[in-house]
Amino acid sequence: MKFLTILLVILLAAIGVKSRFFSFSSQSPKDYSQTGPLFVLDKHLNGPILSEGLIYGPDGKVGVTFVANMMGTWDGDSGTLSESFSYSNGKTQERKWVLKKGPGNTFTATADDIIGTAQGEVSGSSIQLKYRIVLPKESGGHTLDVTDWLYLAENGAILNRSEMRKFGIKVAELVATMRPDQSVVSQIAPMMNGSADQESVPLN
């Protein structure tokens, strides 16, 4: 009996070590400080953005997929990122982040469904953002601890991976891509060019 107890303790310790040093949570911003291309908040989270992704449940299986249309706008060191989600289960969701650049490479973010203020840091080609989110009532209304990582690729696409935990136990994981929405850009470009042409017409 004593042997089994010791074995159980060793097993739990091994799981804890693996979780701490060989998992998603072992990353830190300094790990990416020398990577490129450099992630610039008001450049890469600006304008129309198309996001496509999926969410894994606690059993490791895909629970839902989604498509989100986002729009980032900036005024100096302050910005907003509006998000319009359409889920494969038929549900929709509207969210908006309010972003504020801080000292150094830090920034903060707020949204209606998070508790307090999210703390973010830009490092090389990556962004880390930590916060507590309150799920909608139809999704249980649980409060989860979230760690977001965004990684900028050479072609300008952003890879997003988020881990959600409750009482330290992982209950969900999100994986998504984010890239400039060319369909919106192509619609805006002719309008902008038309405005420029009209402005350049001399008045005789």
N, C-alpha and C. Protein backbone atom coordinates (compact mmCIF):
# COMPACT_ATOMS: atom_id res chain seq x y z
N MET A 1 0.83 -1.20 0.00
CA MET A 1 0.00 0.00 0.00
C MET A 1 0.87 1.25 0.00
N LYS A 2 1.91 1.23 0.84
CA LYS A 2 2.81 2.37 0.91
C LYS A 2 3.52 2.56 -0.42
N PHE A 3 3.87 1.44 -1.07
CA PHE A 3 4.55 1.51 -2.36
C PHE A 3 3.65 2.16 -3.41
N LEU A 4 2.36 1.79 -3.40
CA LEU A 4 1.42 2.36 -4.36
C LEU A 4 1.25 3.86 -4.14
N THR A 5 1.25 4.27 -2.87
CA THR A 5 1.13 5.70 -2.55
C THR A 5 2.33 6.48 -3.09
N ILE A 6 3.53 5.92 -2.86
CA ILE A 6 4.75 6.57 -3.35
C ILE A 6 4.73 6.64 -4.88
N LEU A 7 4.29 5.54 -5.50
CA LEU A 7 4.23 5.50 -6.96
C LEU A 7 3.26 6.55 -7.51
N LEU A 8 2.13 6.72 -6.81
CA LEU A 8 1.15 7.71 -7.23
C LEU A 8 1.71 9.12 -7.12
N VAL A 9 2.43 9.38 -6.02
CA VAL A 9 3.04 10.70 -5.82
C VAL A 9 4.05 10.99 -6.92
N ILE A 10 4.86 10.00 -7.26
CA ILE A 10 5.87 10.17 -8.32
C ILE A 10 5.19 10.44 -9.66
N LEU A 11 4.10 9.70 -9.92
CA LEU A 11 3.38 9.87 -11.17
C LEU A 11 2.78 11.27 -11.29
N LEU A 12 2.17 11.74 -10.20
CA LEU A 12 1.59 13.09 -10.19
C LEU A 12 2.67 14.15 -10.36
N ALA A 13 3.81 13.94 -9.72
CA ALA A 13 4.92 14.88 -9.85
C ALA A 13 5.43 14.93 -11.29
N ALA A 14 5.50 13.76 -11.91
CA ALA A 14 5.96 13.70 -13.30
C ALA A 14 5.00 14.43 -14.23
N ILE A 15 3.70 14.26 -13.97
CA ILE A 15 2.70 14.95 -14.78
C ILE A 15 2.83 16.46 -14.60
N GLY A 16 3.06 16.89 -13.36
CA GLY A 16 3.22 18.31 -13.07
C GLY A 16 4.43 18.89 -13.76
N VAL A 17 5.54 18.17 -13.74
CA VAL A 17 6.76 18.63 -14.40
C VAL A 17 6.55 18.72 -15.91
N LYS A 18 5.90 17.72 -16.47
CA LYS A 18 5.63 17.74 -17.91
C LYS A 18 4.76 18.92 -18.28
N SER A 19 3.72 19.18 -17.47
CA SER A 19 2.81 20.28 -17.74
C SER A 19 3.53 21.62 -17.68
N ARG A 20 4.47 21.73 -16.74
CA ARG A 20 5.15 23.01 -16.54
C ARG A 20 6.23 23.28 -17.57
N PHE A 21 7.00 22.26 -17.90
CA PHE A 21 8.19 22.49 -18.73
C PHE A 21 8.06 22.01 -20.17
N PHE A 22 7.08 21.19 -20.49
CA PHE A 22 6.99 20.64 -21.84
C PHE A 22 5.60 20.87 -22.44
N SER A 23 4.95 21.96 -22.08
CA SER A 23 3.61 22.21 -22.58
C SER A 23 3.46 23.65 -23.03
N PHE A 24 2.27 23.95 -23.51
CA PHE A 24 1.91 25.28 -23.98
C PHE A 24 2.22 26.36 -22.95
N SER A 25 1.96 26.07 -21.68
CA SER A 25 2.12 27.07 -20.63
C SER A 25 3.58 27.37 -20.28
N SER A 26 4.51 26.58 -20.83
CA SER A 26 5.92 26.82 -20.51
C SER A 26 6.52 27.96 -21.33
N GLN A 27 5.77 28.46 -22.33
CA GLN A 27 6.29 29.55 -23.15
C GLN A 27 6.33 30.86 -22.37
N SER A 28 7.26 31.71 -22.75
CA SER A 28 7.30 33.06 -22.20
C SER A 28 7.69 34.01 -23.33
N PRO A 29 7.30 35.29 -23.23
CA PRO A 29 7.62 36.24 -24.30
C PRO A 29 9.11 36.28 -24.66
N LYS A 30 9.98 36.12 -23.68
CA LYS A 30 11.41 36.21 -23.96
C LYS A 30 11.89 35.12 -24.91
N ASP A 31 11.12 34.02 -24.98
CA ASP A 31 11.49 32.94 -25.90
C ASP A 31 11.47 33.40 -27.36
N TYR A 32 10.72 34.46 -27.65
CA TYR A 32 10.54 34.92 -29.02
C TYR A 32 11.11 36.30 -29.28
N SER A 33 11.90 36.80 -28.35
CA SER A 33 12.41 38.18 -28.46
C SER A 33 13.30 38.39 -29.68
N GLN A 34 13.95 37.35 -30.15
CA GLN A 34 14.86 37.48 -31.29
C GLN A 34 14.24 36.99 -32.60
N THR A 35 12.94 36.73 -32.59
CA THR A 35 12.29 36.21 -33.79
C THR A 35 11.73 37.34 -34.65
N GLY A 36 11.48 37.05 -35.89
CA GLY A 36 10.90 38.01 -36.81
C GLY A 36 9.97 37.30 -37.77
N PRO A 37 9.19 38.06 -38.53
CA PRO A 37 9.10 39.53 -38.56
C PRO A 37 8.50 40.09 -37.28
N LEU A 38 8.79 41.35 -37.00
CA LEU A 38 8.31 41.97 -35.77
C LEU A 38 6.80 42.19 -35.83
N PHE A 39 6.13 41.80 -34.76
CA PHE A 39 4.69 42.02 -34.64
C PHE A 39 4.46 43.46 -34.20
N VAL A 40 3.75 44.22 -35.03
CA VAL A 40 3.44 45.62 -34.72
C VAL A 40 1.93 45.73 -34.53
N LEU A 41 1.50 46.05 -33.33
CA LEU A 41 0.08 46.04 -33.00
C LEU A 41 -0.77 46.84 -33.98
N ASP A 42 -0.41 48.12 -34.18
CA ASP A 42 -1.27 48.98 -34.99
C ASP A 42 -1.08 48.76 -36.49
N LYS A 43 -0.24 47.83 -36.86
CA LYS A 43 -0.09 47.45 -38.26
C LYS A 43 -0.78 46.12 -38.54
N HIS A 44 -0.51 45.13 -37.72
CA HIS A 44 -1.00 43.79 -37.99
C HIS A 44 -2.37 43.49 -37.38
N LEU A 45 -2.83 44.34 -36.46
CA LEU A 45 -4.20 44.24 -35.96
C LEU A 45 -4.97 45.48 -36.40
N ASN A 46 -4.88 45.77 -37.69
CA ASN A 46 -5.49 46.97 -38.24
C ASN A 46 -6.21 46.62 -39.54
N GLY A 47 -7.34 47.27 -39.78
CA GLY A 47 -8.09 47.02 -41.00
C GLY A 47 -8.94 45.76 -40.91
N PRO A 48 -9.53 45.35 -42.05
CA PRO A 48 -10.37 44.14 -42.06
C PRO A 48 -9.53 42.88 -41.95
N ILE A 49 -9.95 41.97 -41.08
CA ILE A 49 -9.22 40.73 -40.83
C ILE A 49 -10.21 39.56 -40.87
N LEU A 50 -9.85 38.50 -41.56
CA LEU A 50 -10.65 37.28 -41.60
C LEU A 50 -9.99 36.23 -40.73
N SER A 51 -10.75 35.66 -39.81
CA SER A 51 -10.23 34.61 -38.93
C SER A 51 -11.05 33.34 -39.10
N GLU A 52 -10.36 32.21 -39.16
CA GLU A 52 -11.01 30.90 -39.26
C GLU A 52 -10.35 29.98 -38.24
N GLY A 53 -11.17 29.27 -37.47
CA GLY A 53 -10.57 28.44 -36.43
C GLY A 53 -11.49 27.39 -35.88
N LEU A 54 -11.01 26.74 -34.84
CA LEU A 54 -11.78 25.69 -34.18
C LEU A 54 -11.45 25.70 -32.70
N ILE A 55 -12.37 25.11 -31.93
CA ILE A 55 -12.21 25.04 -30.48
C ILE A 55 -12.30 23.59 -30.05
N TYR A 56 -11.25 23.12 -29.34
CA TYR A 56 -11.24 21.78 -28.79
C TYR A 56 -11.87 21.80 -27.40
N GLY A 57 -12.64 20.76 -27.09
CA GLY A 57 -13.22 20.61 -25.77
C GLY A 57 -12.26 19.92 -24.82
N PRO A 58 -12.69 19.67 -23.57
CA PRO A 58 -11.82 19.03 -22.57
C PRO A 58 -11.42 17.60 -22.93
N ASP A 59 -12.18 16.97 -23.84
CA ASP A 59 -11.86 15.60 -24.26
C ASP A 59 -10.88 15.57 -25.42
N GLY A 60 -10.43 16.75 -25.87
CA GLY A 60 -9.46 16.81 -26.96
C GLY A 60 -10.08 16.75 -28.34
N LYS A 61 -11.41 16.67 -28.41
CA LYS A 61 -12.10 16.62 -29.70
C LYS A 61 -12.59 18.01 -30.09
N VAL A 62 -12.70 18.22 -31.41
CA VAL A 62 -13.19 19.51 -31.89
C VAL A 62 -14.66 19.66 -31.52
N GLY A 63 -14.97 20.73 -30.79
CA GLY A 63 -16.34 20.96 -30.38
C GLY A 63 -17.10 21.85 -31.35
N VAL A 64 -16.40 22.83 -31.92
CA VAL A 64 -17.05 23.78 -32.82
C VAL A 64 -15.99 24.46 -33.68
N THR A 65 -16.38 24.82 -34.89
CA THR A 65 -15.51 25.63 -35.76
C THR A 65 -16.16 27.00 -35.92
N PHE A 66 -15.39 27.96 -36.40
CA PHE A 66 -15.94 29.30 -36.54
C PHE A 66 -15.24 30.08 -37.65
N VAL A 67 -15.94 31.10 -38.11
CA VAL A 67 -15.39 32.11 -39.00
C VAL A 67 -15.70 33.46 -38.36
N ALA A 68 -14.72 34.33 -38.30
CA ALA A 68 -14.91 35.64 -37.68
C ALA A 68 -14.43 36.74 -38.60
N ASN A 69 -15.25 37.75 -38.75
CA ASN A 69 -14.86 38.97 -39.47
C ASN A 69 -14.49 40.02 -38.45
N MET A 70 -13.27 40.52 -38.54
CA MET A 70 -12.75 41.48 -37.57
C MET A 70 -12.40 42.80 -38.26
N MET A 71 -12.41 43.85 -37.46
CA MET A 71 -12.00 45.16 -37.97
C MET A 71 -11.19 45.88 -36.90
N GLY A 72 -9.95 46.18 -37.23
CA GLY A 72 -9.09 46.90 -36.30
C GLY A 72 -8.95 48.36 -36.70
N THR A 73 -9.05 49.25 -35.74
CA THR A 73 -8.86 50.68 -35.98
C THR A 73 -7.97 51.25 -34.89
N TRP A 74 -7.16 52.24 -35.25
CA TRP A 74 -6.21 52.83 -34.30
C TRP A 74 -6.22 54.34 -34.37
N ASP A 75 -6.02 54.94 -33.21
CA ASP A 75 -5.84 56.39 -33.09
C ASP A 75 -4.71 56.61 -32.10
N GLY A 76 -3.51 56.80 -32.62
CA GLY A 76 -2.34 56.91 -31.76
C GLY A 76 -2.05 55.59 -31.06
N ASP A 77 -1.97 55.63 -29.73
CA ASP A 77 -1.65 54.43 -28.96
C ASP A 77 -2.89 53.63 -28.55
N SER A 78 -4.06 54.06 -28.97
CA SER A 78 -5.31 53.38 -28.60
C SER A 78 -5.95 52.78 -29.84
N GLY A 79 -6.54 51.60 -29.68
CA GLY A 79 -7.18 50.94 -30.80
C GLY A 79 -8.34 50.08 -30.37
N THR A 80 -9.12 49.64 -31.33
CA THR A 80 -10.21 48.70 -31.08
C THR A 80 -10.12 47.57 -32.09
N LEU A 81 -10.55 46.40 -31.68
CA LEU A 81 -10.63 45.24 -32.57
C LEU A 81 -12.03 44.65 -32.40
N SER A 82 -12.90 44.94 -33.37
CA SER A 82 -14.27 44.42 -33.34
C SER A 82 -14.30 43.05 -33.98
N GLU A 83 -15.04 42.11 -33.38
CA GLU A 83 -15.07 40.73 -33.84
C GLU A 83 -16.52 40.27 -34.00
N SER A 84 -16.82 39.68 -35.15
CA SER A 84 -18.15 39.13 -35.42
C SER A 84 -18.00 37.65 -35.76
N PHE A 85 -18.41 36.77 -34.82
CA PHE A 85 -18.21 35.33 -34.96
C PHE A 85 -19.46 34.63 -35.48
N SER A 86 -19.25 33.65 -36.37
CA SER A 86 -20.30 32.72 -36.80
C SER A 86 -19.79 31.31 -36.54
N TYR A 87 -20.50 30.58 -35.66
CA TYR A 87 -20.07 29.25 -35.25
C TYR A 87 -20.80 28.16 -36.03
N SER A 88 -20.17 26.99 -36.12
CA SER A 88 -20.74 25.88 -36.87
C SER A 88 -22.01 25.33 -36.23
N ASN A 89 -22.26 25.65 -34.97
CA ASN A 89 -23.49 25.20 -34.31
C ASN A 89 -24.65 26.19 -34.50
N GLY A 90 -24.42 27.20 -35.34
CA GLY A 90 -25.48 28.16 -35.64
C GLY A 90 -25.47 29.41 -34.79
N LYS A 91 -24.66 29.44 -33.75
CA LYS A 91 -24.62 30.59 -32.86
C LYS A 91 -23.74 31.70 -33.46
N THR A 92 -24.03 32.92 -33.05
CA THR A 92 -23.22 34.07 -33.45
C THR A 92 -22.80 34.84 -32.20
N GLN A 93 -21.77 35.64 -32.34
CA GLN A 93 -21.26 36.41 -31.19
C GLN A 93 -20.58 37.67 -31.68
N GLU A 94 -20.83 38.77 -30.99
CA GLU A 94 -20.18 40.04 -31.27
C GLU A 94 -19.32 40.43 -30.07
N ARG A 95 -18.07 40.76 -30.33
CA ARG A 95 -17.15 41.17 -29.27
C ARG A 95 -16.34 42.38 -29.75
N LYS A 96 -15.80 43.11 -28.79
CA LYS A 96 -14.90 44.22 -29.15
C LYS A 96 -13.83 44.38 -28.09
N TRP A 97 -12.59 44.33 -28.53
CA TRP A 97 -11.45 44.60 -27.66
C TRP A 97 -11.10 46.09 -27.75
N VAL A 98 -10.78 46.68 -26.62
CA VAL A 98 -10.23 48.03 -26.58
C VAL A 98 -8.77 47.90 -26.15
N LEU A 99 -7.86 48.30 -27.02
CA LEU A 99 -6.43 48.09 -26.81
C LEU A 99 -5.74 49.41 -26.47
N LYS A 100 -4.74 49.32 -25.62
CA LYS A 100 -3.98 50.51 -25.23
C LYS A 100 -2.51 50.14 -25.08
N LYS A 101 -1.65 50.79 -25.88
CA LYS A 101 -0.21 50.54 -25.76
C LYS A 101 0.30 51.07 -24.43
N GLY A 102 1.22 50.32 -23.81
CA GLY A 102 1.82 50.73 -22.55
C GLY A 102 3.31 50.96 -22.71
N PRO A 103 4.03 51.05 -21.60
CA PRO A 103 5.48 51.26 -21.67
C PRO A 103 6.19 50.05 -22.27
N GLY A 104 7.28 50.32 -22.97
CA GLY A 104 8.04 49.23 -23.56
C GLY A 104 7.23 48.47 -24.59
N ASN A 105 7.21 47.16 -24.47
CA ASN A 105 6.47 46.32 -25.40
C ASN A 105 5.15 45.83 -24.81
N THR A 106 4.69 46.46 -23.74
CA THR A 106 3.47 46.00 -23.09
C THR A 106 2.24 46.72 -23.65
N PHE A 107 1.08 46.10 -23.42
CA PHE A 107 -0.18 46.73 -23.76
C PHE A 107 -1.28 46.12 -22.89
N THR A 108 -2.39 46.81 -22.81
CA THR A 108 -3.53 46.31 -22.06
C THR A 108 -4.73 46.20 -22.98
N ALA A 109 -5.71 45.40 -22.56
CA ALA A 109 -6.92 45.22 -23.36
C ALA A 109 -8.11 44.99 -22.45
N THR A 110 -9.24 45.51 -22.85
CA THR A 110 -10.48 45.28 -22.12
C THR A 110 -11.56 44.86 -23.09
N ALA A 111 -12.56 44.15 -22.58
CA ALA A 111 -13.72 43.73 -23.35
C ALA A 111 -14.86 43.49 -22.37
N ASP A 112 -16.08 43.52 -22.86
CA ASP A 112 -17.24 43.40 -21.98
C ASP A 112 -17.32 42.07 -21.26
N ASP A 113 -16.73 41.01 -21.84
CA ASP A 113 -16.87 39.69 -21.24
C ASP A 113 -15.63 39.23 -20.48
N ILE A 114 -14.70 40.13 -20.20
CA ILE A 114 -13.55 39.74 -19.39
C ILE A 114 -13.59 40.49 -18.06
N ILE A 115 -12.92 39.90 -17.06
CA ILE A 115 -12.86 40.50 -15.74
C ILE A 115 -11.61 41.36 -15.64
N GLY A 116 -11.78 42.62 -15.30
CA GLY A 116 -10.63 43.50 -15.16
C GLY A 116 -9.98 43.81 -16.49
N THR A 117 -8.66 43.86 -16.48
CA THR A 117 -7.89 44.25 -17.66
C THR A 117 -6.93 43.15 -18.07
N ALA A 118 -6.92 42.83 -19.35
CA ALA A 118 -5.98 41.84 -19.87
C ALA A 118 -4.60 42.46 -19.99
N GLN A 119 -3.58 41.67 -19.69
CA GLN A 119 -2.19 42.13 -19.75
C GLN A 119 -1.49 41.48 -20.94
N GLY A 120 -0.94 42.31 -21.82
CA GLY A 120 -0.30 41.78 -23.01
C GLY A 120 1.13 42.23 -23.16
N GLU A 121 1.87 41.47 -23.95
CA GLU A 121 3.27 41.82 -24.23
C GLU A 121 3.60 41.39 -25.65
N VAL A 122 4.23 42.30 -26.39
CA VAL A 122 4.73 42.00 -27.73
C VAL A 122 6.19 41.62 -27.61
N SER A 123 6.58 40.53 -28.27
CA SER A 123 7.97 40.08 -28.22
C SER A 123 8.34 39.45 -29.55
N GLY A 124 9.19 40.13 -30.31
CA GLY A 124 9.57 39.60 -31.62
C GLY A 124 8.36 39.44 -32.52
N SER A 125 8.15 38.23 -33.01
CA SER A 125 7.03 37.96 -33.91
C SER A 125 5.80 37.47 -33.16
N SER A 126 5.78 37.61 -31.85
CA SER A 126 4.69 37.04 -31.06
C SER A 126 4.02 38.06 -30.15
N ILE A 127 2.82 37.68 -29.72
CA ILE A 127 2.08 38.43 -28.70
C ILE A 127 1.55 37.43 -27.68
N GLN A 128 1.69 37.77 -26.41
CA GLN A 128 1.05 37.00 -25.35
C GLN A 128 0.03 37.90 -24.65
N LEU A 129 -1.16 37.36 -24.41
CA LEU A 129 -2.21 38.10 -23.72
C LEU A 129 -2.87 37.18 -22.70
N LYS A 130 -2.95 37.64 -21.45
CA LYS A 130 -3.56 36.85 -20.38
C LYS A 130 -4.74 37.61 -19.78
N TYR A 131 -5.82 36.86 -19.53
CA TYR A 131 -7.02 37.49 -18.97
C TYR A 131 -7.98 36.42 -18.43
N ARG A 132 -9.03 36.89 -17.75
CA ARG A 132 -10.09 36.01 -17.26
C ARG A 132 -11.37 36.37 -18.01
N ILE A 133 -11.99 35.36 -18.60
CA ILE A 133 -13.18 35.59 -19.41
C ILE A 133 -14.39 34.91 -18.77
N VAL A 134 -15.54 35.54 -18.92
CA VAL A 134 -16.79 34.97 -18.43
C VAL A 134 -17.58 34.48 -19.65
N LEU A 135 -17.82 33.17 -19.72
CA LEU A 135 -18.54 32.62 -20.86
C LEU A 135 -20.00 33.05 -20.85
N PRO A 136 -20.65 33.07 -22.02
CA PRO A 136 -22.08 33.37 -22.07
C PRO A 136 -22.87 32.35 -21.25
N LYS A 137 -24.05 32.76 -20.77
CA LYS A 137 -24.86 31.86 -19.94
C LYS A 137 -25.21 30.57 -20.66
N GLU A 138 -25.48 30.66 -21.97
CA GLU A 138 -25.82 29.46 -22.72
C GLU A 138 -24.65 28.49 -22.85
N SER A 139 -23.44 28.99 -22.55
CA SER A 139 -22.25 28.14 -22.57
C SER A 139 -21.80 27.77 -21.16
N GLY A 140 -22.65 28.04 -20.18
CA GLY A 140 -22.35 27.65 -18.80
C GLY A 140 -22.04 28.80 -17.87
N GLY A 141 -21.67 29.96 -18.44
CA GLY A 141 -21.38 31.12 -17.61
C GLY A 141 -20.14 30.98 -16.75
N HIS A 142 -19.26 30.03 -17.08
CA HIS A 142 -18.06 29.80 -16.29
C HIS A 142 -17.04 30.93 -16.48
N THR A 143 -16.22 31.13 -15.46
CA THR A 143 -15.09 32.05 -15.55
C THR A 143 -13.82 31.24 -15.81
N LEU A 144 -13.12 31.55 -16.89
CA LEU A 144 -11.94 30.79 -17.29
C LEU A 144 -10.72 31.69 -17.34
N ASP A 145 -9.57 31.11 -17.04
CA ASP A 145 -8.28 31.79 -17.19
C ASP A 145 -7.76 31.49 -18.59
N VAL A 146 -7.49 32.54 -19.35
CA VAL A 146 -7.10 32.38 -20.75
C VAL A 146 -5.69 32.91 -20.99
N THR A 147 -4.93 32.14 -21.75
CA THR A 147 -3.64 32.61 -22.26
C THR A 147 -3.70 32.56 -23.78
N ASP A 148 -3.59 33.72 -24.39
CA ASP A 148 -3.58 33.84 -25.86
C ASP A 148 -2.15 34.01 -26.36
N TRP A 149 -1.83 33.31 -27.42
CA TRP A 149 -0.58 33.55 -28.13
C TRP A 149 -0.91 33.81 -29.60
N LEU A 150 -0.32 34.85 -30.15
CA LEU A 150 -0.43 35.15 -31.57
C LEU A 150 0.98 35.16 -32.15
N TYR A 151 1.15 34.46 -33.29
CA TYR A 151 2.45 34.36 -33.93
C TYR A 151 2.35 34.89 -35.36
N LEU A 152 3.20 35.84 -35.70
CA LEU A 152 3.17 36.44 -37.04
C LEU A 152 4.06 35.65 -37.99
N ALA A 153 3.48 35.23 -39.12
CA ALA A 153 4.23 34.49 -40.14
C ALA A 153 4.84 35.46 -41.15
N GLU A 154 5.77 34.95 -41.95
CA GLU A 154 6.48 35.77 -42.92
C GLU A 154 5.54 36.42 -43.94
N ASN A 155 4.44 35.74 -44.27
CA ASN A 155 3.53 36.27 -45.30
C ASN A 155 2.46 37.20 -44.73
N GLY A 156 2.57 37.53 -43.44
CA GLY A 156 1.62 38.45 -42.83
C GLY A 156 0.45 37.78 -42.14
N ALA A 157 0.31 36.46 -42.30
CA ALA A 157 -0.75 35.74 -41.60
C ALA A 157 -0.40 35.63 -40.12
N ILE A 158 -1.42 35.57 -39.29
CA ILE A 158 -1.25 35.43 -37.85
C ILE A 158 -1.82 34.09 -37.41
N LEU A 159 -1.04 33.33 -36.67
CA LEU A 159 -1.48 32.05 -36.12
C LEU A 159 -1.82 32.27 -34.65
N ASN A 160 -3.03 31.89 -34.27
CA ASN A 160 -3.53 32.13 -32.92
C ASN A 160 -3.77 30.80 -32.21
N ARG A 161 -3.21 30.70 -31.01
CA ARG A 161 -3.46 29.53 -30.17
C ARG A 161 -3.79 30.02 -28.77
N SER A 162 -4.92 29.57 -28.23
CA SER A 162 -5.36 30.01 -26.91
C SER A 162 -5.69 28.79 -26.05
N GLU A 163 -5.33 28.89 -24.80
CA GLU A 163 -5.63 27.82 -23.85
C GLU A 163 -6.50 28.38 -22.74
N MET A 164 -7.58 27.67 -22.42
CA MET A 164 -8.51 28.08 -21.38
C MET A 164 -8.51 27.08 -20.24
N ARG A 165 -8.37 27.58 -19.04
CA ARG A 165 -8.28 26.71 -17.86
C ARG A 165 -9.27 27.15 -16.78
N LYS A 166 -9.70 26.17 -15.99
CA LYS A 166 -10.53 26.42 -14.81
C LYS A 166 -9.94 25.61 -13.66
N PHE A 167 -9.64 26.30 -12.56
CA PHE A 167 -8.97 25.67 -11.42
C PHE A 167 -7.66 25.01 -11.85
N GLY A 168 -6.99 25.61 -12.84
CA GLY A 168 -5.71 25.09 -13.30
C GLY A 168 -5.80 23.95 -14.29
N ILE A 169 -7.01 23.48 -14.57
CA ILE A 169 -7.19 22.34 -15.48
C ILE A 169 -7.63 22.85 -16.85
N LYS A 170 -6.96 22.39 -17.91
CA LYS A 170 -7.32 22.83 -19.25
C LYS A 170 -8.68 22.27 -19.64
N VAL A 171 -9.58 23.17 -20.04
CA VAL A 171 -10.93 22.76 -20.41
C VAL A 171 -11.23 23.03 -21.89
N ALA A 172 -10.42 23.85 -22.54
CA ALA A 172 -10.65 24.14 -23.95
C ALA A 172 -9.38 24.73 -24.56
N GLU A 173 -9.28 24.59 -25.87
CA GLU A 173 -8.16 25.16 -26.60
C GLU A 173 -8.65 25.66 -27.95
N LEU A 174 -8.20 26.84 -28.33
CA LEU A 174 -8.59 27.45 -29.60
C LEU A 174 -7.38 27.53 -30.51
N VAL A 175 -7.57 27.17 -31.77
CA VAL A 175 -6.53 27.32 -32.79
C VAL A 175 -7.16 28.03 -33.98
N ALA A 176 -6.53 29.09 -34.45
CA ALA A 176 -7.13 29.87 -35.53
C ALA A 176 -6.06 30.55 -36.37
N THR A 177 -6.46 30.97 -37.55
CA THR A 177 -5.62 31.82 -38.40
C THR A 177 -6.29 33.18 -38.54
N MET A 178 -5.49 34.21 -38.71
CA MET A 178 -5.99 35.57 -38.93
C MET A 178 -5.17 36.17 -40.07
N ARG A 179 -5.85 36.76 -41.03
CA ARG A 179 -5.14 37.37 -42.15
C ARG A 179 -5.98 38.51 -42.72
N PRO A 180 -5.35 39.46 -43.40
CA PRO A 180 -6.11 40.56 -44.01
C PRO A 180 -7.22 40.01 -44.89
N ASP A 181 -8.43 40.56 -44.72
CA ASP A 181 -9.59 40.11 -45.50
C ASP A 181 -9.55 40.78 -46.87
N GLN A 182 -9.03 40.05 -47.85
CA GLN A 182 -8.84 40.63 -49.18
C GLN A 182 -10.15 40.99 -49.86
N SER A 183 -11.24 40.28 -49.51
CA SER A 183 -12.53 40.59 -50.13
C SER A 183 -13.00 41.99 -49.74
N VAL A 184 -12.72 42.38 -48.49
CA VAL A 184 -13.09 43.72 -48.04
C VAL A 184 -12.12 44.74 -48.60
N VAL A 185 -10.83 44.39 -48.59
CA VAL A 185 -9.81 45.30 -49.11
C VAL A 185 -10.08 45.63 -50.57
N SER A 186 -10.47 44.61 -51.37
CA SER A 186 -10.72 44.83 -52.80
C SER A 186 -11.94 45.70 -53.03
N GLN A 187 -12.89 45.69 -52.07
CA GLN A 187 -14.06 46.55 -52.19
C GLN A 187 -13.73 47.99 -51.81
N ILE A 188 -12.85 48.14 -50.83
CA ILE A 188 -12.51 49.47 -50.35
C ILE A 188 -11.58 50.20 -51.33
N ALA A 189 -10.64 49.45 -51.94
CA ALA A 189 -9.63 50.08 -52.80
C ALA A 189 -10.23 50.93 -53.92
N PRO A 190 -11.21 50.41 -54.71
CA PRO A 190 -11.77 51.25 -55.78
C PRO A 190 -12.44 52.51 -55.24
N MET A 191 -13.08 52.39 -54.07
CA MET A 191 -13.74 53.54 -53.46
C MET A 191 -12.71 54.60 -53.09
N MET A 192 -11.58 54.13 -52.52
CA MET A 192 -10.53 55.07 -52.14
C MET A 192 -9.91 55.72 -53.37
N ASN A 193 -9.70 54.91 -54.42
CA ASN A 193 -9.12 55.46 -55.65
C ASN A 193 -10.07 56.46 -56.30
N GLY A 194 -11.37 56.13 -56.24
CA GLY A 194 -12.36 57.04 -56.80
C GLY A 194 -12.38 58.36 -56.08
N SER A 195 -12.26 58.30 -54.75
CA SER A 195 -12.24 59.53 -53.96
C SER A 195 -11.02 60.37 -54.30
N ALA A 196 -9.88 59.67 -54.48
CA ALA A 196 -8.64 60.38 -54.80
C ALA A 196 -8.75 61.05 -56.16
N ASP A 197 -9.38 60.31 -57.14
CA ASP A 197 -9.52 60.87 -58.48
C ASP A 197 -10.41 62.11 -58.47
N GLN A 198 -11.50 62.01 -57.67
CA GLN A 198 -12.40 63.15 -57.60
C GLN A 198 -11.72 64.36 -56.99
N GLU A 199 -10.89 64.10 -55.98
CA GLU A 199 -10.22 65.21 -55.32
C GLU A 199 -9.18 65.86 -56.22
N SER A 200 -8.65 65.07 -57.19
CA SER A 200 -7.59 65.60 -58.04
C SER A 200 -8.12 66.32 -59.27
N VAL A 201 -9.46 66.23 -59.50
CA VAL A 201 -10.03 66.90 -60.67
C VAL A 201 -9.99 68.41 -60.47
N PRO A 202 -9.35 69.16 -61.36
CA PRO A 202 -9.27 70.62 -61.19
C PRO A 202 -10.62 71.27 -61.40
N LEU A 203 -10.88 72.28 -60.65
CA LEU A 203 -12.13 73.04 -60.78
C LEU A 203 -11.89 74.22 -61.71
N ASN A 204 -12.53 74.21 -62.87
CA ASN A 204 -12.35 75.28 -63.86
C ASN A 204 -13.58 76.20 -63.87
